[in-house]
Each structure stands twice: as structure tokens, then as C-alpha cells.
Amino acid sequence: MSIAREDIVAVIRKANVVSDPDKLRDDITLDDQGIDSLGIFNVILLLQEKYGLEIPDEDMDPLVSISAIVNYLNKRLA
């Protein structure tokens, strides 16, 4: 299973944490794009649910951008 940008944007859309998820850039932190820490936490919870995995607390800090989330999930699900 390979995770793509569109998969992460769909989860962000479901979390309803930003007005237009399609305008999010991959290489800029989600915080800098208007998603606060609670919103990011909600996205992480939805990702865990969707992909049936637990993301340890120590792995969450680097998950700050769409690119970082895609790379992390692809490594974990490989």
C-alpha cells in the first residue's frame, strides 16, 4: 500500500481543520498553513484509525507537513 498526498488531504478534509485543504502545500508546515496543534492531533487520530496503526508520541513531533506524513506512513506501512 502506498500513501499519496491526496490520501492525506482527504483525511485533513475529513478532520475539517482548514477551510480549503486542496490549497495546502506539501513542503510547508501545517501550522504555518493555519492548522493548529489540536487540528494536527485530530488529523493524526484519523490517520491511525484509517490505516489501523498506532503512531507513538515520539513519532508525532516530526509529522509537521504533508510530505513528512506521507513519508512516515509509507515507511511504516511498507
PDB file of N, CA and C in Angstrom:
ATOM      1  N   MET A   1       0.843  -1.176   0.000  1.00  0.00           N
ATOM      2  CA  MET A   1       0.000   0.000   0.000  1.00  0.00           C
ATOM      3  C   MET A   1       0.889   1.241   0.000  1.00  0.00           C
ATOM      4  N   SER A   2       0.605   2.138  -0.902  1.00  0.00           N
ATOM      5  CA  SER A   2       1.366   3.376  -0.980  1.00  0.00           C
ATOM      6  C   SER A   2       0.441   4.556  -0.674  1.00  0.00           C
ATOM      7  N   ILE A   3       0.896   5.403   0.225  1.00  0.00           N
ATOM      8  CA  ILE A   3       0.126   6.575   0.618  1.00  0.00           C
ATOM      9  C   ILE A   3       0.566   7.746  -0.259  1.00  0.00           C
ATOM     10  N   ALA A   4      -0.409   8.486  -0.765  1.00  0.00           N
ATOM     11  CA  ALA A   4      -0.128   9.646  -1.611  1.00  0.00           C
ATOM     12  C   ALA A   4      -0.627  10.926  -0.928  1.00  0.00           C
ATOM     13  N   ARG A   5      -0.202  12.035  -1.458  1.00  0.00           N
ATOM     14  CA  ARG A   5      -0.623  13.342  -0.948  1.00  0.00           C
ATOM     15  C   ARG A   5      -2.145  13.438  -0.848  1.00  0.00           C
ATOM     16  N   GLU A   6      -2.819  12.943  -1.870  1.00  0.00           N
ATOM     17  CA  GLU A   6      -4.280  13.025  -1.913  1.00  0.00           C
ATOM     18  C   GLU A   6      -4.925  12.291  -0.745  1.00  0.00           C
ATOM     19  N   ASP A   7      -4.301  11.198  -0.296  1.00  0.00           N
ATOM     20  CA  ASP A   7      -4.831  10.449   0.847  1.00  0.00           C
ATOM     21  C   ASP A   7      -4.780  11.302   2.115  1.00  0.00           C
ATOM     22  N   ILE A   8      -3.692  12.019   2.293  1.00  0.00           N
ATOM     23  CA  ILE A   8      -3.536  12.862   3.482  1.00  0.00           C
ATOM     24  C   ILE A   8      -4.480  14.059   3.406  1.00  0.00           C
ATOM     25  N   VAL A   9      -4.612  14.650   2.234  1.00  0.00           N
ATOM     26  CA  VAL A   9      -5.534  15.782   2.069  1.00  0.00           C
ATOM     27  C   VAL A   9      -6.969  15.337   2.356  1.00  0.00           C
ATOM     28  N   ALA A  10      -7.334  14.127   1.958  1.00  0.00           N
ATOM     29  CA  ALA A  10      -8.682  13.609   2.233  1.00  0.00           C
ATOM     30  C   ALA A  10      -8.916  13.482   3.737  1.00  0.00           C
ATOM     31  N   VAL A  11      -7.908  13.056   4.467  1.00  0.00           N
ATOM     32  CA  VAL A  11      -8.037  12.941   5.925  1.00  0.00           C
ATOM     33  C   VAL A  11      -8.128  14.331   6.554  1.00  0.00           C
ATOM     34  N   ILE A  12      -7.339  15.277   6.061  1.00  0.00           N
ATOM     35  CA  ILE A  12      -7.410  16.649   6.565  1.00  0.00           C
ATOM     36  C   ILE A  12      -8.794  17.240   6.285  1.00  0.00           C
ATOM     37  N   ARG A  13      -9.332  16.946   5.115  1.00  0.00           N
ATOM     38  CA  ARG A  13     -10.683  17.412   4.776  1.00  0.00           C
ATOM     39  C   ARG A  13     -11.702  16.831   5.762  1.00  0.00           C
ATOM     40  N   LYS A  14     -11.576  15.542   6.052  1.00  0.00           N
ATOM     41  CA  LYS A  14     -12.495  14.870   6.980  1.00  0.00           C
ATOM     42  C   LYS A  14     -12.379  15.470   8.384  1.00  0.00           C
ATOM     43  N   ALA A  15     -11.167  15.842   8.785  1.00  0.00           N
ATOM     44  CA  ALA A  15     -10.948  16.434  10.105  1.00  0.00           C
ATOM     45  C   ALA A  15     -11.526  17.846  10.204  1.00  0.00           C
ATOM     46  N   ASN A  16     -11.771  18.467   9.055  1.00  0.00           N
ATOM     47  CA  ASN A  16     -12.372  19.800   8.996  1.00  0.00           C
ATOM     48  C   ASN A  16     -11.580  20.822   9.829  1.00  0.00           C
ATOM     49  N   VAL A  17     -10.263  20.860   9.591  1.00  0.00           N
ATOM     50  CA  VAL A  17      -9.393  21.738  10.364  1.00  0.00           C
ATOM     51  C   VAL A  17      -8.871  22.930   9.576  1.00  0.00           C
ATOM     52  N   VAL A  18      -9.205  22.984   8.299  1.00  0.00           N
ATOM     53  CA  VAL A  18      -8.780  24.107   7.454  1.00  0.00           C
ATOM     54  C   VAL A  18      -9.849  24.314   6.382  1.00  0.00           C
ATOM     55  N   SER A  19     -10.033  25.555   5.955  1.00  0.00           N
ATOM     56  CA  SER A  19     -11.139  25.857   5.039  1.00  0.00           C
ATOM     57  C   SER A  19     -10.986  25.233   3.660  1.00  0.00           C
ATOM     58  N   ASP A  20      -9.771  25.199   3.111  1.00  0.00           N
ATOM     59  CA  ASP A  20      -9.583  24.626   1.778  1.00  0.00           C
ATOM     60  C   ASP A  20      -8.350  23.719   1.743  1.00  0.00           C
ATOM     61  N   PRO A  21      -8.535  22.438   2.090  1.00  0.00           N
ATOM     62  CA  PRO A  21      -7.397  21.513   2.141  1.00  0.00           C
ATOM     63  C   PRO A  21      -6.664  21.369   0.813  1.00  0.00           C
ATOM     64  N   ASP A  22      -7.341  21.593  -0.307  1.00  0.00           N
ATOM     65  CA  ASP A  22      -6.701  21.442  -1.610  1.00  0.00           C
ATOM     66  C   ASP A  22      -5.619  22.484  -1.854  1.00  0.00           C
ATOM     67  N   LYS A  23      -5.647  23.576  -1.116  1.00  0.00           N
ATOM     68  CA  LYS A  23      -4.648  24.631  -1.284  1.00  0.00           C
ATOM     69  C   LYS A  23      -3.420  24.418  -0.400  1.00  0.00           C
ATOM     70  N   LEU A  24      -3.430  23.382   0.430  1.00  0.00           N
ATOM     71  CA  LEU A  24      -2.289  23.112   1.298  1.00  0.00           C
ATOM     72  C   LEU A  24      -1.066  22.737   0.465  1.00  0.00           C
ATOM     73  N   ARG A  25       0.087  23.222   0.899  1.00  0.00           N
ATOM     74  CA  ARG A  25       1.341  22.890   0.217  1.00  0.00           C
ATOM     75  C   ARG A  25       2.030  21.772   0.979  1.00  0.00           C
ATOM     76  N   ASP A  26       2.724  20.944   0.249  1.00  0.00           N
ATOM     77  CA  ASP A  26       3.356  19.763   0.833  1.00  0.00           C
ATOM     78  C   ASP A  26       4.555  20.089   1.711  1.00  0.00           C
ATOM     79  N   ASP A  27       5.282  21.136   1.361  1.00  0.00           N
ATOM     80  CA  ASP A  27       6.575  21.405   1.976  1.00  0.00           C
ATOM     81  C   ASP A  27       6.550  22.469   3.071  1.00  0.00           C
ATOM     82  N   ILE A  28       5.381  22.984   3.390  1.00  0.00           N
ATOM     83  CA  ILE A  28       5.236  23.997   4.439  1.00  0.00           C
ATOM     84  C   ILE A  28       4.515  23.346   5.616  1.00  0.00           C
ATOM     85  N   THR A  29       4.935  23.692   6.826  1.00  0.00           N
ATOM     86  CA  THR A  29       4.310  23.067   7.989  1.00  0.00           C
ATOM     87  C   THR A  29       2.806  23.351   8.010  1.00  0.00           C
ATOM     88  N   LEU A  30       2.080  22.397   8.533  1.00  0.00           N
ATOM     89  CA  LEU A  30       0.629  22.555   8.630  1.00  0.00           C
ATOM     90  C   LEU A  30       0.295  23.724   9.542  1.00  0.00           C
ATOM     91  N   ASP A  31       1.091  23.918  10.585  1.00  0.00           N
ATOM     92  CA  ASP A  31       0.894  25.042  11.494  1.00  0.00           C
ATOM     93  C   ASP A  31       0.996  26.368  10.745  1.00  0.00           C
ATOM     94  N   ASP A  32       1.976  26.496   9.875  1.00  0.00           N
ATOM     95  CA  ASP A  32       2.148  27.725   9.088  1.00  0.00           C
ATOM     96  C   ASP A  32       1.031  27.917   8.065  1.00  0.00           C
ATOM     97  N   GLN A  33       0.263  26.861   7.833  1.00  0.00           N
ATOM     98  CA  GLN A  33      -0.838  26.948   6.874  1.00  0.00           C
ATOM     99  C   GLN A  33      -2.198  27.051   7.584  1.00  0.00           C
ATOM    100  N   GLY A  34      -2.157  27.302   8.893  1.00  0.00           N
ATOM    101  CA  GLY A  34      -3.383  27.586   9.621  1.00  0.00           C
ATOM    102  C   GLY A  34      -3.990  26.418  10.376  1.00  0.00           C
ATOM    103  N   ILE A  35      -3.286  25.291  10.482  1.00  0.00           N
ATOM    104  CA  ILE A  35      -3.794  24.163  11.251  1.00  0.00           C
ATOM    105  C   ILE A  35      -3.046  24.141  12.582  1.00  0.00           C
ATOM    106  N   ASP A  36      -3.780  24.384  13.673  1.00  0.00           N
ATOM    107  CA  ASP A  36      -3.126  24.438  14.981  1.00  0.00           C
ATOM    108  C   ASP A  36      -2.808  23.033  15.497  1.00  0.00           C
ATOM    109  N   SER A  37      -2.168  22.974  16.655  1.00  0.00           N
ATOM    110  CA  SER A  37      -1.713  21.686  17.194  1.00  0.00           C
ATOM    111  C   SER A  37      -2.876  20.742  17.480  1.00  0.00           C
ATOM    112  N   LEU A  38      -4.001  21.265  17.922  1.00  0.00           N
ATOM    113  CA  LEU A  38      -5.171  20.412  18.151  1.00  0.00           C
ATOM    114  C   LEU A  38      -5.680  19.844  16.825  1.00  0.00           C
ATOM    115  N   GLY A  39      -5.672  20.647  15.793  1.00  0.00           N
ATOM    116  CA  GLY A  39      -6.077  20.181  14.472  1.00  0.00           C
ATOM    117  C   GLY A  39      -5.153  19.096  13.949  1.00  0.00           C
ATOM    118  N   ILE A  40      -3.850  19.283  14.133  1.00  0.00           N
ATOM    119  CA  ILE A  40      -2.884  18.273  13.701  1.00  0.00           C
ATOM    120  C   ILE A  40      -3.101  16.979  14.477  1.00  0.00           C
ATOM    121  N   PHE A  41      -3.364  17.102  15.779  1.00  0.00           N
ATOM    122  CA  PHE A  41      -3.632  15.919  16.600  1.00  0.00           C
ATOM    123  C   PHE A  41      -4.861  15.172  16.079  1.00  0.00           C
ATOM    124  N   ASN A  42      -5.907  15.908  15.711  1.00  0.00           N
ATOM    125  CA  ASN A  42      -7.109  15.274  15.150  1.00  0.00           C
ATOM    126  C   ASN A  42      -6.793  14.554  13.847  1.00  0.00           C
ATOM    127  N   VAL A  43      -5.964  15.144  13.017  1.00  0.00           N
ATOM    128  CA  VAL A  43      -5.556  14.507  11.759  1.00  0.00           C
ATOM    129  C   VAL A  43      -4.807  13.207  12.066  1.00  0.00           C
ATOM    130  N   ILE A  44      -3.895  13.246  13.036  1.00  0.00           N
ATOM    131  CA  ILE A  44      -3.125  12.049  13.416  1.00  0.00           C
ATOM    132  C   ILE A  44      -4.065  10.953  13.904  1.00  0.00           C
ATOM    133  N   LEU A  45      -5.051  11.310  14.714  1.00  0.00           N
ATOM    134  CA  LEU A  45      -6.019  10.319  15.195  1.00  0.00           C
ATOM    135  C   LEU A  45      -6.774   9.670  14.038  1.00  0.00           C
ATOM    136  N   LEU A  46      -7.192  10.476  13.081  1.00  0.00           N
ATOM    137  CA  LEU A  46      -7.902   9.934  11.917  1.00  0.00           C
ATOM    138  C   LEU A  46      -6.995   9.042  11.068  1.00  0.00           C
ATOM    139  N   LEU A  47      -5.734   9.414  10.950  1.00  0.00           N
ATOM    140  CA  LEU A  47      -4.777   8.584  10.200  1.00  0.00           C
ATOM    141  C   LEU A  47      -4.591   7.234  10.883  1.00  0.00           C
ATOM    142  N   GLN A  48      -4.477   7.250  12.200  1.00  0.00           N
ATOM    143  CA  GLN A  48      -4.332   5.999  12.954  1.00  0.00           C
ATOM    144  C   GLN A  48      -5.538   5.093  12.722  1.00  0.00           C
ATOM    145  N   GLU A  49      -6.704   5.699  12.766  1.00  0.00           N
ATOM    146  CA  GLU A  49      -7.944   4.946  12.560  1.00  0.00           C
ATOM    147  C   GLU A  49      -8.013   4.401  11.129  1.00  0.00           C
ATOM    148  N   LYS A  50      -7.713   5.243  10.163  1.00  0.00           N
ATOM    149  CA  LYS A  50      -7.828   4.850   8.762  1.00  0.00           C
ATOM    150  C   LYS A  50      -6.863   3.727   8.388  1.00  0.00           C
ATOM    151  N   TYR A  51      -5.629   3.813   8.889  1.00  0.00           N
ATOM    152  CA  TYR A  51      -4.607   2.852   8.486  1.00  0.00           C
ATOM    153  C   TYR A  51      -4.358   1.758   9.519  1.00  0.00           C
ATOM    154  N   GLY A  52      -5.123   1.778  10.610  1.00  0.00           N
ATOM    155  CA  GLY A  52      -5.033   0.713  11.602  1.00  0.00           C
ATOM    156  C   GLY A  52      -3.678   0.590  12.257  1.00  0.00           C
ATOM    157  N   LEU A  53      -3.081   1.734  12.582  1.00  0.00           N
ATOM    158  CA  LEU A  53      -1.788   1.696  13.255  1.00  0.00           C
ATOM    159  C   LEU A  53      -1.767   2.715  14.378  1.00  0.00           C
ATOM    160  N   GLU A  54      -0.845   2.504  15.300  1.00  0.00           N
ATOM    161  CA  GLU A  54      -0.668   3.457  16.382  1.00  0.00           C
ATOM    162  C   GLU A  54       0.616   4.233  16.123  1.00  0.00           C
ATOM    163  N   ILE A  55       0.491   5.539  16.165  1.00  0.00           N
ATOM    164  CA  ILE A  55       1.659   6.394  15.972  1.00  0.00           C
ATOM    165  C   ILE A  55       2.135   6.801  17.369  1.00  0.00           C
ATOM    166  N   PRO A  56       3.312   6.319  17.772  1.00  0.00           N
ATOM    167  CA  PRO A  56       3.818   6.648  19.111  1.00  0.00           C
ATOM    168  C   PRO A  56       4.031   8.151  19.276  1.00  0.00           C
ATOM    169  N   ASP A  57       3.912   8.610  20.514  1.00  0.00           N
ATOM    170  CA  ASP A  57       4.083  10.037  20.806  1.00  0.00           C
ATOM    171  C   ASP A  57       5.398  10.580  20.277  1.00  0.00           C
ATOM    172  N   GLU A  58       6.472   9.793  20.408  1.00  0.00           N
ATOM    173  CA  GLU A  58       7.782  10.283  19.979  1.00  0.00           C
ATOM    174  C   GLU A  58       7.883  10.427  18.458  1.00  0.00           C
ATOM    175  N   ASP A  59       6.975   9.791  17.714  1.00  0.00           N
ATOM    176  CA  ASP A  59       6.974   9.916  16.251  1.00  0.00           C
ATOM    177  C   ASP A  59       6.138  11.100  15.759  1.00  0.00           C
ATOM    178  N   MET A  60       5.328  11.693  16.638  1.00  0.00           N
ATOM    179  CA  MET A  60       4.396  12.740  16.202  1.00  0.00           C
ATOM    180  C   MET A  60       5.062  14.078  15.919  1.00  0.00           C
ATOM    181  N   ASP A  61       6.087  14.440  16.690  1.00  0.00           N
ATOM    182  CA  ASP A  61       6.708  15.769  16.527  1.00  0.00           C
ATOM    183  C   ASP A  61       7.196  16.046  15.110  1.00  0.00           C
ATOM    184  N   PRO A  62       7.824  15.077  14.421  1.00  0.00           N
ATOM    185  CA  PRO A  62       8.294  15.368  13.057  1.00  0.00           C
ATOM    186  C   PRO A  62       7.173  15.417  12.002  1.00  0.00           C
ATOM    187  N   LEU A  63       5.955  15.034  12.358  1.00  0.00           N
ATOM    188  CA  LEU A  63       4.858  14.990  11.380  1.00  0.00           C
ATOM    189  C   LEU A  63       4.220  16.367  11.254  1.00  0.00           C
ATOM    190  N   VAL A  64       4.955  17.285  10.655  1.00  0.00           N
ATOM    191  CA  VAL A  64       4.531  18.683  10.616  1.00  0.00           C
ATOM    192  C   VAL A  64       4.070  19.152   9.243  1.00  0.00           C
ATOM    193  N   SER A  65       4.284  18.330   8.218  1.00  0.00           N
ATOM    194  CA  SER A  65       3.878  18.724   6.865  1.00  0.00           C
ATOM    195  C   SER A  65       3.269  17.520   6.151  1.00  0.00           C
ATOM    196  N   ILE A  66       2.612  17.788   5.067  1.00  0.00           N
ATOM    197  CA  ILE A  66       2.026  16.697   4.284  1.00  0.00           C
ATOM    198  C   ILE A  66       3.121  15.752   3.804  1.00  0.00           C
ATOM    199  N   SER A  67       4.236  16.298   3.343  1.00  0.00           N
ATOM    200  CA  SER A  67       5.344  15.456   2.878  1.00  0.00           C
ATOM    201  C   SER A  67       5.859  14.555   3.986  1.00  0.00           C
ATOM    202  N   ALA A  68       6.023  15.116   5.182  1.00  0.00           N
ATOM    203  CA  ALA A  68       6.533  14.337   6.305  1.00  0.00           C
ATOM    204  C   ALA A  68       5.559  13.213   6.668  1.00  0.00           C
ATOM    205  N   ILE A  69       4.273  13.490   6.632  1.00  0.00           N
ATOM    206  CA  ILE A  69       3.259  12.479   6.961  1.00  0.00           C
ATOM    207  C   ILE A  69       3.263  11.376   5.909  1.00  0.00           C
ATOM    208  N   VAL A  70       3.310  11.752   4.639  1.00  0.00           N
ATOM    209  CA  VAL A  70       3.335  10.764   3.551  1.00  0.00           C
ATOM    210  C   VAL A  70       4.563   9.862   3.693  1.00  0.00           C
ATOM    211  N   ASN A  71       5.728  10.451   3.893  1.00  0.00           N
ATOM    212  CA  ASN A  71       6.959   9.667   4.025  1.00  0.00           C
ATOM    213  C   ASN A  71       6.896   8.734   5.224  1.00  0.00           C
ATOM    214  N   TYR A  72       6.428   9.245   6.348  1.00  0.00           N
ATOM    215  CA  TYR A  72       6.339   8.433   7.565  1.00  0.00           C
ATOM    216  C   TYR A  72       5.405   7.233   7.361  1.00  0.00           C
ATOM    217  N   LEU A  73       4.212   7.497   6.845  1.00  0.00           N
ATOM    218  CA  LEU A  73       3.246   6.409   6.662  1.00  0.00           C
ATOM    219  C   LEU A  73       3.734   5.387   5.651  1.00  0.00           C
ATOM    220  N   ASN A  74       4.368   5.830   4.594  1.00  0.00           N
ATOM    221  CA  ASN A  74       4.873   4.872   3.597  1.00  0.00           C
ATOM    222  C   ASN A  74       5.957   3.982   4.195  1.00  0.00           C
ATOM    223  N   LYS A  75       6.788   4.518   5.073  1.00  0.00           N
ATOM    224  CA  LYS A  75       7.799   3.693   5.756  1.00  0.00           C
ATOM    225  C   LYS A  75       7.144   2.724   6.730  1.00  0.00           C
ATOM    226  N   ARG A  76       6.157   3.208   7.481  1.00  0.00           N
ATOM    227  CA  ARG A  76       5.503   2.362   8.482  1.00  0.00           C
ATOM    228  C   ARG A  76       4.679   1.239   7.844  1.00  0.00           C
ATOM    229  N   LEU A  77       4.079   1.521   6.704  1.00  0.00           N
ATOM    230  CA  LEU A  77       3.165   0.551   6.082  1.00  0.00           C
ATOM    231  C   LEU A  77       3.855  -0.308   5.026  1.00  0.00           C
ATOM    232  N   ALA A  78       5.153  -0.109   4.845  1.00  0.00           N
ATOM    233  CA  ALA A  78       5.888  -0.879   3.827  1.00  0.00           C
ATOM    234  C   ALA A  78       6.026  -2.340   4.220  1.00  0.00           C
TER     235      ALA A  78
END
